[in-house]
Amino acid sequence: MSDTASTAPADALALLPLPSRLRLLTSEQLRGADCVWCYETVDAATAVDLGGQTGTIDGVADSHWFPRACPACVGKQARKALNVHVGSCEQCVDDPGRCAESRALRELTFR
């Protein structure tokens, strides 16, 4: 395992789309014990912390949840986000190497 959990830049992780239908997540996913995307159990050594979030859970608005992910899903979601980003970013059309978001997402895909 790489040291993804400790070195993934927070600003790049913020570019990853989190699940929007919180009612479909398990309690383990909401508290960060399982990967928010694939249900794999994660721990302090393997988890990529996606930062504390708020949303409506069980009808309660502004509920706190703590998504974490496995490194494989972070890479997969970063690739998806990168594909969407480069299709809508004028800087990426001109010179993708100059786009900070593109660079950050590319870095996540290789971790």
C-alpha atoms as a PDB file:
ATOM      1  CA  MET A   1       0.000   0.000   0.000  1.00  0.00           C
ATOM      2  CA  SER A   2       1.235   3.489  -0.801  1.00  0.00           C
ATOM      3  CA  ASP A   3       1.039   6.289   1.689  1.00  0.00           C
ATOM      4  CA  THR A   4      -2.033   7.762   0.001  1.00  0.00           C
ATOM      5  CA  ALA A   5      -3.816   8.214   3.296  1.00  0.00           C
ATOM      6  CA  SER A   6      -1.218  10.603   4.637  1.00  0.00           C
ATOM      7  CA  THR A   7      -0.123  12.481   1.515  1.00  0.00           C
ATOM      8  CA  ALA A   8      -3.165  13.094  -0.692  1.00  0.00           C
ATOM      9  CA  PRO A   9      -3.562  16.872  -0.942  1.00  0.00           C
ATOM     10  CA  ALA A  10      -6.801  18.060   0.638  1.00  0.00           C
ATOM     11  CA  ASP A  11      -7.503  20.521  -2.162  1.00  0.00           C
ATOM     12  CA  ALA A  12      -7.351  17.721  -4.743  1.00  0.00           C
ATOM     13  CA  LEU A  13      -9.577  15.483  -2.627  1.00  0.00           C
ATOM     14  CA  ALA A  14     -12.161  18.276  -2.494  1.00  0.00           C
ATOM     15  CA  LEU A  15     -12.477  17.961  -6.279  1.00  0.00           C
ATOM     16  CA  LEU A  16     -13.827  14.416  -6.011  1.00  0.00           C
ATOM     17  CA  PRO A  17     -17.615  14.157  -6.203  1.00  0.00           C
ATOM     18  CA  LEU A  18     -19.080  12.562  -3.097  1.00  0.00           C
ATOM     19  CA  PRO A  19     -22.307  10.557  -3.150  1.00  0.00           C
ATOM     20  CA  SER A  20     -25.265  12.926  -2.993  1.00  0.00           C
ATOM     21  CA  ARG A  21     -27.893  10.418  -1.892  1.00  0.00           C
ATOM     22  CA  LEU A  22     -26.832   9.993   1.700  1.00  0.00           C
ATOM     23  CA  ARG A  23     -29.856   7.835   2.451  1.00  0.00           C
ATOM     24  CA  LEU A  24     -28.283   5.121   0.288  1.00  0.00           C
ATOM     25  CA  LEU A  25     -25.089   4.982   2.366  1.00  0.00           C
ATOM     26  CA  THR A  26     -24.636   2.566   5.237  1.00  0.00           C
ATOM     27  CA  SER A  27     -23.925   3.796   8.745  1.00  0.00           C
ATOM     28  CA  GLU A  28     -20.376   2.420   8.309  1.00  0.00           C
ATOM     29  CA  GLN A  29     -19.890   4.585   5.202  1.00  0.00           C
ATOM     30  CA  LEU A  30     -21.326   7.654   6.927  1.00  0.00           C
ATOM     31  CA  ARG A  31     -18.915   7.312   9.846  1.00  0.00           C
ATOM     32  CA  GLY A  32     -15.889   6.478   7.688  1.00  0.00           C
ATOM     33  CA  ALA A  33     -15.410   2.838   8.621  1.00  0.00           C
ATOM     34  CA  ASP A  34     -16.147   1.688   5.046  1.00  0.00           C
ATOM     35  CA  CYS A  35     -15.184   3.237   1.724  1.00  0.00           C
ATOM     36  CA  VAL A  36     -17.843   5.711   0.678  1.00  0.00           C
ATOM     37  CA  TRP A  37     -17.846   4.240  -2.859  1.00  0.00           C
ATOM     38  CA  CYS A  38     -17.213   0.477  -2.635  1.00  0.00           C
ATOM     39  CA  TYR A  39     -18.069  -0.600   0.934  1.00  0.00           C
ATOM     40  CA  GLU A  40     -14.528  -1.916   1.603  1.00  0.00           C
ATOM     41  CA  THR A  41     -13.585  -1.622   5.262  1.00  0.00           C
ATOM     42  CA  VAL A  42     -10.874   0.986   5.772  1.00  0.00           C
ATOM     43  CA  ASP A  43      -8.784   1.877   8.788  1.00  0.00           C
ATOM     44  CA  ALA A  44      -6.303   4.555   9.785  1.00  0.00           C
ATOM     45  CA  ALA A  45      -3.567   2.899   7.701  1.00  0.00           C
ATOM     46  CA  THR A  46      -5.579   2.480   4.498  1.00  0.00           C
ATOM     47  CA  ALA A  47      -8.236   5.192   4.523  1.00  0.00           C
ATOM     48  CA  VAL A  48      -8.110   8.405   2.550  1.00  0.00           C
ATOM     49  CA  ASP A  49      -9.949  10.996   4.657  1.00  0.00           C
ATOM     50  CA  LEU A  50     -12.316  12.999   2.469  1.00  0.00           C
ATOM     51  CA  GLY A  51     -13.067  15.570   5.152  1.00  0.00           C
ATOM     52  CA  GLY A  52     -16.035  16.106   7.409  1.00  0.00           C
ATOM     53  CA  GLN A  53     -19.262  16.884   5.557  1.00  0.00           C
ATOM     54  CA  THR A  54     -22.801  17.948   6.373  1.00  0.00           C
ATOM     55  CA  GLY A  55     -26.005  16.842   4.740  1.00  0.00           C
ATOM     56  CA  THR A  56     -29.493  15.543   5.398  1.00  0.00           C
ATOM     57  CA  ILE A  57     -29.386  12.127   7.048  1.00  0.00           C
ATOM     58  CA  ASP A  58     -32.565  10.382   8.182  1.00  0.00           C
ATOM     59  CA  GLY A  59     -34.488  13.612   7.620  1.00  0.00           C
ATOM     60  CA  VAL A  60     -32.158  15.670   9.800  1.00  0.00           C
ATOM     61  CA  ALA A  61     -30.633  18.597   7.916  1.00  0.00           C
ATOM     62  CA  ASP A  62     -27.027  19.623   8.583  1.00  0.00           C
ATOM     63  CA  SER A  63     -26.103  16.189   9.959  1.00  0.00           C
ATOM     64  CA  HIS A  64     -22.376  15.533  10.090  1.00  0.00           C
ATOM     65  CA  TRP A  65     -20.827  12.619   8.229  1.00  0.00           C
ATOM     66  CA  PHE A  66     -17.204  11.602   7.761  1.00  0.00           C
ATOM     67  CA  PRO A  67     -16.510   9.970   4.399  1.00  0.00           C
ATOM     68  CA  ARG A  68     -13.329   8.034   3.849  1.00  0.00           C
ATOM     69  CA  ALA A  69     -12.276   5.946   0.887  1.00  0.00           C
ATOM     70  CA  CYS A  70      -9.929   3.199  -0.163  1.00  0.00           C
ATOM     71  CA  PRO A  71      -6.981   4.282  -2.352  1.00  0.00           C
ATOM     72  CA  ALA A  72      -8.303   2.343  -5.377  1.00  0.00           C
ATOM     73  CA  CYS A  73     -11.603   4.231  -5.344  1.00  0.00           C
ATOM     74  CA  VAL A  74      -9.822   7.572  -4.902  1.00  0.00           C
ATOM     75  CA  GLY A  75      -7.861   6.843  -8.080  1.00  0.00           C
ATOM     76  CA  LYS A  76     -10.984   5.752  -9.952  1.00  0.00           C
ATOM     77  CA  GLN A  77     -12.993   8.796  -8.851  1.00  0.00           C
ATOM     78  CA  ALA A  78     -10.070  11.121  -9.666  1.00  0.00           C
ATOM     79  CA  ARG A  79      -9.943   9.714 -13.211  1.00  0.00           C
ATOM     80  CA  LYS A  80     -13.683  10.281 -13.614  1.00  0.00           C
ATOM     81  CA  ALA A  81     -13.435  13.832 -12.239  1.00  0.00           C
ATOM     82  CA  LEU A  82     -10.455  14.550 -14.495  1.00  0.00           C
ATOM     83  CA  ASN A  83     -12.371  13.410 -17.587  1.00  0.00           C
ATOM     84  CA  VAL A  84     -15.262  15.709 -16.709  1.00  0.00           C
ATOM     85  CA  HIS A  85     -12.933  18.578 -15.845  1.00  0.00           C
ATOM     86  CA  VAL A  86     -10.841  18.582 -19.017  1.00  0.00           C
ATOM     87  CA  GLY A  87     -14.007  18.613 -21.106  1.00  0.00           C
ATOM     88  CA  SER A  88     -15.184  21.834 -19.517  1.00  0.00           C
ATOM     89  CA  CYS A  89     -11.963  23.698 -18.654  1.00  0.00           C
ATOM     90  CA  GLU A  90     -10.724  26.301 -21.111  1.00  0.00           C
ATOM     91  CA  GLN A  91      -7.220  26.201 -19.609  1.00  0.00           C
ATOM     92  CA  CYS A  92      -7.030  22.432 -20.159  1.00  0.00           C
ATOM     93  CA  VAL A  93      -7.924  22.901 -23.824  1.00  0.00           C
ATOM     94  CA  ASP A  94      -5.098  25.437 -24.218  1.00  0.00           C
ATOM     95  CA  ASP A  95      -2.458  23.827 -21.977  1.00  0.00           C
ATOM     96  CA  PRO A  96      -3.493  21.164 -19.421  1.00  0.00           C
ATOM     97  CA  GLY A  97      -0.121  21.415 -17.683  1.00  0.00           C
ATOM     98  CA  ARG A  98      -0.987  24.923 -16.515  1.00  0.00           C
ATOM     99  CA  CYS A  99      -4.292  23.971 -14.888  1.00  0.00           C
ATOM    100  CA  ALA A 100      -3.923  23.428 -11.134  1.00  0.00           C
ATOM    101  CA  GLU A 101      -7.101  21.336 -10.878  1.00  0.00           C
ATOM    102  CA  SER A 102      -5.995  19.068 -13.705  1.00  0.00           C
ATOM    103  CA  ARG A 103      -2.569  18.582 -12.101  1.00  0.00           C
ATOM    104  CA  ALA A 104      -4.122  17.826  -8.704  1.00  0.00           C
ATOM    105  CA  LEU A 105      -6.525  15.261 -10.133  1.00  0.00           C
ATOM    106  CA  ARG A 106      -3.772  13.630 -12.194  1.00  0.00           C
ATOM    107  CA  GLU A 107      -1.667  13.301  -9.042  1.00  0.00           C
ATOM    108  CA  LEU A 108      -4.519  11.478  -7.297  1.00  0.00           C
ATOM    109  CA  THR A 109      -4.920   9.038 -10.183  1.00  0.00           C
ATOM    110  CA  PHE A 110      -1.352   7.790  -9.731  1.00  0.00           C
ATOM    111  CA  ARG A 111      -1.342   7.265  -5.974  1.00  0.00           C
END
